[in-house]
Amino acid sequence: MPTVITAAPVPSAVPLPSSAPVASAPSVASVALEKKPLSAAALPRSITYEGLVERGLHFADRNGDNWVVVSTKEATKPGATDWDSTLRSKYLFVRHVVLDATGPRELRLLRDHEVDCDFDLLLRVTEEAFTVTDVDADGYGEVNLGYESACRSDVSPATYKFFLLENGAKFGVRGTTKVPDGTTWWGGDMKADPELEAQPALFAHAKALWPKLTKRPL
């Protein structure tokens, strides 16, 4: 059964087994999705990635056997001054591939980063935002991906991005998290890409999720 999988980091150096048989391609809406821990045995050897695997998705749609791998890399270097002792960087990679008899076919590779941070570094995927849907009922799964990033020394809003990856296309919303400031709220703004606004079902889905994903507790 196609599955939705989440995981603790797995080192990229771990040898991975060959792929399981390619799944048939029903509509995403007809597939029962089940979460389970990700292990090295769950990821076919032919799928490559950078850094450490944090989580992934496995599902079937009209493209066939889909795999989405989220991985990260971290780095440090000395700062330019005595008081700026260490600069930290973190890099995010999201790779969506389809497996068939000839091997992996990449539909999309998304990269982002937060670099040379001398305060508190944040680059984190939102667990509840990482799933697959088919809200436009076209038989192609929409990979839902939301994450926040910041380099800050206070509790100001972080940058927030939410993407729907569908059949190689990327539809995005960008803005900030919404954080409490006494009795009021700060942040929470959003700006959708024109490509997303042109897709009514996807745009409505993203707008409905945005307040839930970006609001931080008191």
C-alpha atoms as a PDB file:
ATOM      1  CA  MET A   1       0.000   0.000   0.000  1.00  0.00           C
ATOM      2  CA  PRO A   2       1.368   3.448  -0.813  1.00  0.00           C
ATOM      3  CA  THR A   3       2.262   5.232   2.374  1.00  0.00           C
ATOM      4  CA  VAL A   4       2.970   8.593   3.871  1.00  0.00           C
ATOM      5  CA  ILE A   5       6.176   8.289   5.872  1.00  0.00           C
ATOM      6  CA  THR A   6       7.909  10.473   8.425  1.00  0.00           C
ATOM      7  CA  ALA A   7      11.201   9.859  10.127  1.00  0.00           C
ATOM      8  CA  ALA A   8      14.139  10.684  12.304  1.00  0.00           C
ATOM      9  CA  PRO A   9      17.284  11.586  10.297  1.00  0.00           C
ATOM     10  CA  VAL A  10      18.981   8.742   8.424  1.00  0.00           C
ATOM     11  CA  PRO A  11      22.656   9.158   7.349  1.00  0.00           C
ATOM     12  CA  SER A  12      23.096   9.364   3.592  1.00  0.00           C
ATOM     13  CA  ALA A  13      26.031   6.952   3.833  1.00  0.00           C
ATOM     14  CA  VAL A  14      23.770   4.034   4.788  1.00  0.00           C
ATOM     15  CA  PRO A  15      23.481   1.578   1.839  1.00  0.00           C
ATOM     16  CA  LEU A  16      19.935   1.422   0.541  1.00  0.00           C
ATOM     17  CA  PRO A  17      18.145  -1.543  -1.032  1.00  0.00           C
ATOM     18  CA  SER A  18      16.790  -1.686  -4.543  1.00  0.00           C
ATOM     19  CA  SER A  19      13.286  -0.425  -5.277  1.00  0.00           C
ATOM     20  CA  ALA A  20      10.145  -2.393  -4.553  1.00  0.00           C
ATOM     21  CA  PRO A  21       7.913  -3.180  -7.555  1.00  0.00           C
ATOM     22  CA  VAL A  22       6.422  -0.101  -9.170  1.00  0.00           C
ATOM     23  CA  ALA A  23       2.908   0.631  -7.967  1.00  0.00           C
ATOM     24  CA  SER A  24      -0.093   1.017 -10.216  1.00  0.00           C
ATOM     25  CA  ALA A  25      -1.425   4.519 -10.715  1.00  0.00           C
ATOM     26  CA  PRO A  26      -4.880   5.110  -9.264  1.00  0.00           C
ATOM     27  CA  SER A  27      -6.154   8.573  -8.377  1.00  0.00           C
ATOM     28  CA  VAL A  28      -4.680   9.915  -5.135  1.00  0.00           C
ATOM     29  CA  ALA A  29      -8.229  10.247  -3.844  1.00  0.00           C
ATOM     30  CA  SER A  30      -8.603   6.445  -4.028  1.00  0.00           C
ATOM     31  CA  VAL A  31      -5.394   5.703  -2.116  1.00  0.00           C
ATOM     32  CA  ALA A  32      -5.485   5.082   1.628  1.00  0.00           C
ATOM     33  CA  LEU A  33      -2.476   6.854   3.138  1.00  0.00           C
ATOM     34  CA  GLU A  34      -0.842   5.554   6.289  1.00  0.00           C
ATOM     35  CA  LYS A  35       2.004   7.094   8.297  1.00  0.00           C
ATOM     36  CA  LYS A  36       4.882   4.921   9.435  1.00  0.00           C
ATOM     37  CA  PRO A  37       8.511   5.514  10.477  1.00  0.00           C
ATOM     38  CA  LEU A  38      11.044   5.931   7.691  1.00  0.00           C
ATOM     39  CA  SER A  39      13.991   3.557   7.650  1.00  0.00           C
ATOM     40  CA  ALA A  40      16.845   2.993   5.215  1.00  0.00           C
ATOM     41  CA  ALA A  41      14.966  -0.068   3.959  1.00  0.00           C
ATOM     42  CA  ALA A  42      12.027   2.075   2.870  1.00  0.00           C
ATOM     43  CA  LEU A  43      13.981   4.224   0.407  1.00  0.00           C
ATOM     44  CA  PRO A  44      15.021   2.705  -2.939  1.00  0.00           C
ATOM     45  CA  ARG A  45      18.743   2.816  -3.696  1.00  0.00           C
ATOM     46  CA  SER A  46      18.165   4.633  -6.992  1.00  0.00           C
ATOM     47  CA  ILE A  47      16.801   7.727  -5.195  1.00  0.00           C
ATOM     48  CA  THR A  48      19.650  10.040  -4.243  1.00  0.00           C
ATOM     49  CA  TYR A  49      19.611  12.937  -1.804  1.00  0.00           C
ATOM     50  CA  GLU A  50      21.897  15.366  -0.002  1.00  0.00           C
ATOM     51  CA  GLY A  51      22.635  15.376   3.719  1.00  0.00           C
ATOM     52  CA  LEU A  52      20.346  13.603   6.173  1.00  0.00           C
ATOM     53  CA  VAL A  53      16.844  12.379   5.373  1.00  0.00           C
ATOM     54  CA  GLU A  54      14.296  13.977   7.731  1.00  0.00           C
ATOM     55  CA  ARG A  55      11.030  12.690   6.298  1.00  0.00           C
ATOM     56  CA  GLY A  56       9.370  11.507   3.110  1.00  0.00           C
ATOM     57  CA  LEU A  57       6.172  10.681   1.253  1.00  0.00           C
ATOM     58  CA  HIS A  58       5.337   7.626  -0.833  1.00  0.00           C
ATOM     59  CA  PHE A  59       2.117   7.577  -2.860  1.00  0.00           C
ATOM     60  CA  ALA A  60       0.616   6.530  -6.189  1.00  0.00           C
ATOM     61  CA  ASP A  61      -1.131   8.800  -8.688  1.00  0.00           C
ATOM     62  CA  ARG A  62      -1.448   9.122 -12.479  1.00  0.00           C
ATOM     63  CA  ASN A  63       2.337   9.438 -12.734  1.00  0.00           C
ATOM     64  CA  GLY A  64       2.791   6.079 -10.998  1.00  0.00           C
ATOM     65  CA  ASP A  65       5.039   5.406  -7.996  1.00  0.00           C
ATOM     66  CA  ASN A  66       5.905   8.748  -6.324  1.00  0.00           C
ATOM     67  CA  TRP A  67       8.612   9.360  -3.724  1.00  0.00           C
ATOM     68  CA  VAL A  68       9.278  12.665  -1.982  1.00  0.00           C
ATOM     69  CA  VAL A  69      12.425  12.995   0.134  1.00  0.00           C
ATOM     70  CA  VAL A  70      13.095  15.906   2.496  1.00  0.00           C
ATOM     71  CA  SER A  71      16.724  16.179   3.573  1.00  0.00           C
ATOM     72  CA  THR A  72      18.921  18.783   5.261  1.00  0.00           C
ATOM     73  CA  LYS A  73      22.578  19.688   5.641  1.00  0.00           C
ATOM     74  CA  GLU A  74      24.169  21.869   8.310  1.00  0.00           C
ATOM     75  CA  ALA A  75      27.497  23.705   8.345  1.00  0.00           C
ATOM     76  CA  THR A  76      29.453  26.049  10.590  1.00  0.00           C
ATOM     77  CA  LYS A  77      32.359  28.411  10.049  1.00  0.00           C
ATOM     78  CA  PRO A  78      34.253  30.969  12.131  1.00  0.00           C
ATOM     79  CA  GLY A  79      32.786  34.453  12.356  1.00  0.00           C
ATOM     80  CA  ALA A  80      34.524  37.574  11.138  1.00  0.00           C
ATOM     81  CA  THR A  81      35.019  39.074  14.605  1.00  0.00           C
ATOM     82  CA  ASP A  82      35.956  37.871  18.087  1.00  0.00           C
ATOM     83  CA  TRP A  83      32.420  38.288  19.411  1.00  0.00           C
ATOM     84  CA  ASP A  84      30.959  36.608  16.324  1.00  0.00           C
ATOM     85  CA  SER A  85      32.598  33.248  17.052  1.00  0.00           C
ATOM     86  CA  THR A  86      30.522  30.820  14.929  1.00  0.00           C
ATOM     87  CA  LEU A  87      28.258  31.235  11.918  1.00  0.00           C
ATOM     88  CA  ARG A  88      25.743  28.450  11.329  1.00  0.00           C
ATOM     89  CA  SER A  89      24.035  27.501   8.067  1.00  0.00           C
ATOM     90  CA  LYS A  90      21.300  25.009   7.231  1.00  0.00           C
ATOM     91  CA  TYR A  91      20.201  23.826   3.806  1.00  0.00           C
ATOM     92  CA  LEU A  92      16.867  22.238   2.853  1.00  0.00           C
ATOM     93  CA  PHE A  93      16.327  19.916  -0.116  1.00  0.00           C
ATOM     94  CA  VAL A  94      12.980  18.493  -1.265  1.00  0.00           C
ATOM     95  CA  ARG A  95      13.129  16.028  -4.138  1.00  0.00           C
ATOM     96  CA  HIS A  96      10.023  14.597  -5.850  1.00  0.00           C
ATOM     97  CA  VAL A  97      10.671  11.650  -8.148  1.00  0.00           C
ATOM     98  CA  VAL A  98       8.623   9.002  -9.927  1.00  0.00           C
ATOM     99  CA  LEU A  99       9.994   5.464 -10.164  1.00  0.00           C
ATOM    100  CA  ASP A 100       9.331   3.265 -13.168  1.00  0.00           C
ATOM    101  CA  ALA A 101      11.069   0.355 -14.870  1.00  0.00           C
ATOM    102  CA  THR A 102      13.819   2.648 -16.194  1.00  0.00           C
ATOM    103  CA  GLY A 103      14.603   4.200 -12.794  1.00  0.00           C
ATOM    104  CA  PRO A 104      13.822   7.537 -11.093  1.00  0.00           C
ATOM    105  CA  ARG A 105      12.424  10.481 -13.042  1.00  0.00           C
ATOM    106  CA  GLU A 106      12.726  13.787 -11.195  1.00  0.00           C
ATOM    107  CA  LEU A 107       9.595  15.925 -11.237  1.00  0.00           C
ATOM    108  CA  ARG A 108      10.828  18.689  -8.945  1.00  0.00           C
ATOM    109  CA  LEU A 109      13.789  19.675  -6.790  1.00  0.00           C
ATOM    110  CA  LEU A 110      13.200  22.460  -4.259  1.00  0.00           C
ATOM    111  CA  ARG A 111      16.090  24.058  -2.390  1.00  0.00           C
ATOM    112  CA  ASP A 112      16.191  26.667   0.359  1.00  0.00           C
ATOM    113  CA  HIS A 113      18.618  27.780   3.053  1.00  0.00           C
ATOM    114  CA  GLU A 114      19.385  29.980   6.022  1.00  0.00           C
ATOM    115  CA  VAL A 115      23.090  30.857   5.947  1.00  0.00           C
ATOM    116  CA  ASP A 116      25.769  32.501   8.097  1.00  0.00           C
ATOM    117  CA  CYS A 117      23.522  32.928  11.126  1.00  0.00           C
ATOM    118  CA  ASP A 118      25.138  34.283  14.297  1.00  0.00           C
ATOM    119  CA  PHE A 119      21.922  34.167  16.360  1.00  0.00           C
ATOM    120  CA  ASP A 120      19.273  31.412  16.699  1.00  0.00           C
ATOM    121  CA  LEU A 121      18.980  29.583  13.384  1.00  0.00           C
ATOM    122  CA  LEU A 122      15.630  28.108  12.346  1.00  0.00           C
ATOM    123  CA  LEU A 123      14.830  26.096   9.224  1.00  0.00           C
ATOM    124  CA  ARG A 124      12.097  23.572  10.020  1.00  0.00           C
ATOM    125  CA  VAL A 125       9.407  21.733   8.059  1.00  0.00           C
ATOM    126  CA  THR A 126       5.962  21.846   9.679  1.00  0.00           C
ATOM    127  CA  GLU A 127       4.935  18.252  10.331  1.00  0.00           C
ATOM    128  CA  GLU A 128       1.197  18.803   9.855  1.00  0.00           C
ATOM    129  CA  ALA A 129       1.841  20.609   6.557  1.00  0.00           C
ATOM    130  CA  PHE A 130       3.694  17.685   4.980  1.00  0.00           C
ATOM    131  CA  THR A 131       1.174  15.444   3.248  1.00  0.00           C
ATOM    132  CA  VAL A 132      -0.358  14.657  -0.147  1.00  0.00           C
ATOM    133  CA  THR A 133      -3.779  15.747  -1.421  1.00  0.00           C
ATOM    134  CA  ASP A 134      -5.742  15.883  -4.683  1.00  0.00           C
ATOM    135  CA  VAL A 135      -7.989  18.871  -4.075  1.00  0.00           C
ATOM    136  CA  ASP A 136      -8.438  19.611  -7.780  1.00  0.00           C
ATOM    137  CA  ALA A 137      -9.376  15.940  -8.434  1.00  0.00           C
ATOM    138  CA  ASP A 138      -7.155  15.608 -11.507  1.00  0.00           C
ATOM    139  CA  GLY A 139      -5.491  12.381 -10.361  1.00  0.00           C
ATOM    140  CA  TYR A 140      -2.114  14.035  -9.717  1.00  0.00           C
ATOM    141  CA  GLY A 141      -1.065  14.265  -6.084  1.00  0.00           C
ATOM    142  CA  GLU A 142      -0.279  17.657  -4.616  1.00  0.00           C
ATOM    143  CA  VAL A 143       2.665  17.376  -2.243  1.00  0.00           C
ATOM    144  CA  ASN A 144       1.934  19.841   0.590  1.00  0.00           C
ATOM    145  CA  LEU A 145       5.071  21.350   2.102  1.00  0.00           C
ATOM    146  CA  GLY A 146       5.275  24.152   4.676  1.00  0.00           C
ATOM    147  CA  TYR A 147       8.361  25.368   6.532  1.00  0.00           C
ATOM    148  CA  GLU A 148       9.652  28.324   8.524  1.00  0.00           C
ATOM    149  CA  SER A 149      13.065  29.933   8.533  1.00  0.00           C
ATOM    150  CA  ALA A 150      14.777  32.663  10.534  1.00  0.00           C
ATOM    151  CA  CYS A 151      18.013  33.929  12.040  1.00  0.00           C
ATOM    152  CA  ARG A 152      16.950  35.945  15.066  1.00  0.00           C
ATOM    153  CA  SER A 153      17.691  36.833  18.658  1.00  0.00           C
ATOM    154  CA  ASP A 154      14.088  37.585  19.671  1.00  0.00           C
ATOM    155  CA  VAL A 155      10.569  36.192  19.174  1.00  0.00           C
ATOM    156  CA  SER A 156       9.725  38.158  16.032  1.00  0.00           C
ATOM    157  CA  PRO A 157       7.815  36.412  13.212  1.00  0.00           C
ATOM    158  CA  ALA A 158       9.757  33.937  11.089  1.00  0.00           C
ATOM    159  CA  THR A 159       9.580  33.650   7.324  1.00  0.00           C
ATOM    160  CA  TYR A 160       7.014  31.032   6.308  1.00  0.00           C
ATOM    161  CA  LYS A 161       6.598  29.327   2.933  1.00  0.00           C
ATOM    162  CA  PHE A 162       3.960  26.857   1.804  1.00  0.00           C
ATOM    163  CA  PHE A 163       4.186  25.003  -1.493  1.00  0.00           C
ATOM    164  CA  LEU A 164       2.054  22.585  -3.460  1.00  0.00           C
ATOM    165  CA  LEU A 165       4.134  20.442  -5.806  1.00  0.00           C
ATOM    166  CA  GLU A 166       2.020  18.818  -8.509  1.00  0.00           C
ATOM    167  CA  ASN A 167       3.241  16.920 -11.556  1.00  0.00           C
ATOM    168  CA  GLY A 168       6.456  18.960 -11.690  1.00  0.00           C
ATOM    169  CA  ALA A 169       4.814  22.348 -11.091  1.00  0.00           C
ATOM    170  CA  LYS A 170       5.304  24.468  -7.975  1.00  0.00           C
ATOM    171  CA  PHE A 171       2.565  26.689  -6.496  1.00  0.00           C
ATOM    172  CA  GLY A 172       3.622  28.821  -3.536  1.00  0.00           C
ATOM    173  CA  VAL A 173       2.554  31.159  -0.750  1.00  0.00           C
ATOM    174  CA  ARG A 174       5.121  33.245   1.125  1.00  0.00           C
ATOM    175  CA  GLY A 175       4.795  35.350   4.252  1.00  0.00           C
ATOM    176  CA  THR A 176       5.473  35.191   7.983  1.00  0.00           C
ATOM    177  CA  THR A 177       4.378  33.328  11.061  1.00  0.00           C
ATOM    178  CA  LYS A 178       1.895  35.024  13.407  1.00  0.00           C
ATOM    179  CA  VAL A 179       3.205  35.526  16.945  1.00  0.00           C
ATOM    180  CA  PRO A 180       1.656  37.052  20.084  1.00  0.00           C
ATOM    181  CA  ASP A 181       2.685  40.516  21.254  1.00  0.00           C
ATOM    182  CA  GLY A 182       0.885  41.127  24.529  1.00  0.00           C
ATOM    183  CA  THR A 183      -2.827  41.164  23.721  1.00  0.00           C
ATOM    184  CA  THR A 184      -2.292  41.575  19.971  1.00  0.00           C
ATOM    185  CA  TRP A 185      -0.763  39.502  17.183  1.00  0.00           C
ATOM    186  CA  TRP A 186       2.205  40.323  14.996  1.00  0.00           C
ATOM    187  CA  GLY A 187       2.849  38.985  11.491  1.00  0.00           C
ATOM    188  CA  GLY A 188       0.821  36.423   9.596  1.00  0.00           C
ATOM    189  CA  ASP A 189       0.969  38.203   6.238  1.00  0.00           C
ATOM    190  CA  MET A 190       0.867  36.116   3.054  1.00  0.00           C
ATOM    191  CA  LYS A 191       1.469  36.597  -0.663  1.00  0.00           C
ATOM    192  CA  ALA A 192       0.495  33.945  -3.188  1.00  0.00           C
ATOM    193  CA  ASP A 193       2.366  33.324  -6.422  1.00  0.00           C
ATOM    194  CA  PRO A 194       0.386  34.245  -9.576  1.00  0.00           C
ATOM    195  CA  GLU A 195       0.558  30.589 -10.658  1.00  0.00           C
ATOM    196  CA  LEU A 196      -1.272  29.558  -7.500  1.00  0.00           C
ATOM    197  CA  GLU A 197      -3.890  32.300  -7.783  1.00  0.00           C
ATOM    198  CA  ALA A 198      -4.682  30.958 -11.263  1.00  0.00           C
ATOM    199  CA  GLN A 199      -5.644  27.570  -9.757  1.00  0.00           C
ATOM    200  CA  PRO A 200      -8.871  28.179  -7.761  1.00  0.00           C
ATOM    201  CA  ALA A 201      -9.018  24.828  -5.945  1.00  0.00           C
ATOM    202  CA  LEU A 202      -5.348  24.883  -4.973  1.00  0.00           C
ATOM    203  CA  PHE A 203      -5.484  28.543  -3.937  1.00  0.00           C
ATOM    204  CA  ALA A 204      -8.524  27.957  -1.716  1.00  0.00           C
ATOM    205  CA  HIS A 205      -6.750  24.981  -0.113  1.00  0.00           C
ATOM    206  CA  ALA A 206      -3.597  26.999   0.614  1.00  0.00           C
ATOM    207  CA  LYS A 207      -5.549  29.977   2.014  1.00  0.00           C
ATOM    208  CA  ALA A 208      -7.513  27.708   4.346  1.00  0.00           C
ATOM    209  CA  LEU A 209      -4.338  26.100   5.708  1.00  0.00           C
ATOM    210  CA  TRP A 210      -2.258  29.267   6.067  1.00  0.00           C
ATOM    211  CA  PRO A 211      -3.712  30.573   9.392  1.00  0.00           C
ATOM    212  CA  LYS A 212      -3.455  27.117  10.989  1.00  0.00           C
ATOM    213  CA  LEU A 213       0.128  26.580   9.906  1.00  0.00           C
ATOM    214  CA  THR A 214       1.502  30.019  10.721  1.00  0.00           C
ATOM    215  CA  LYS A 215      -0.127  30.933  14.062  1.00  0.00           C
ATOM    216  CA  ARG A 216       2.143  30.356  17.022  1.00  0.00           C
ATOM    217  CA  PRO A 217       0.806  29.787  20.582  1.00  0.00           C
ATOM    218  CA  LEU A 218       0.728  32.397  23.302  1.00  0.00           C
END
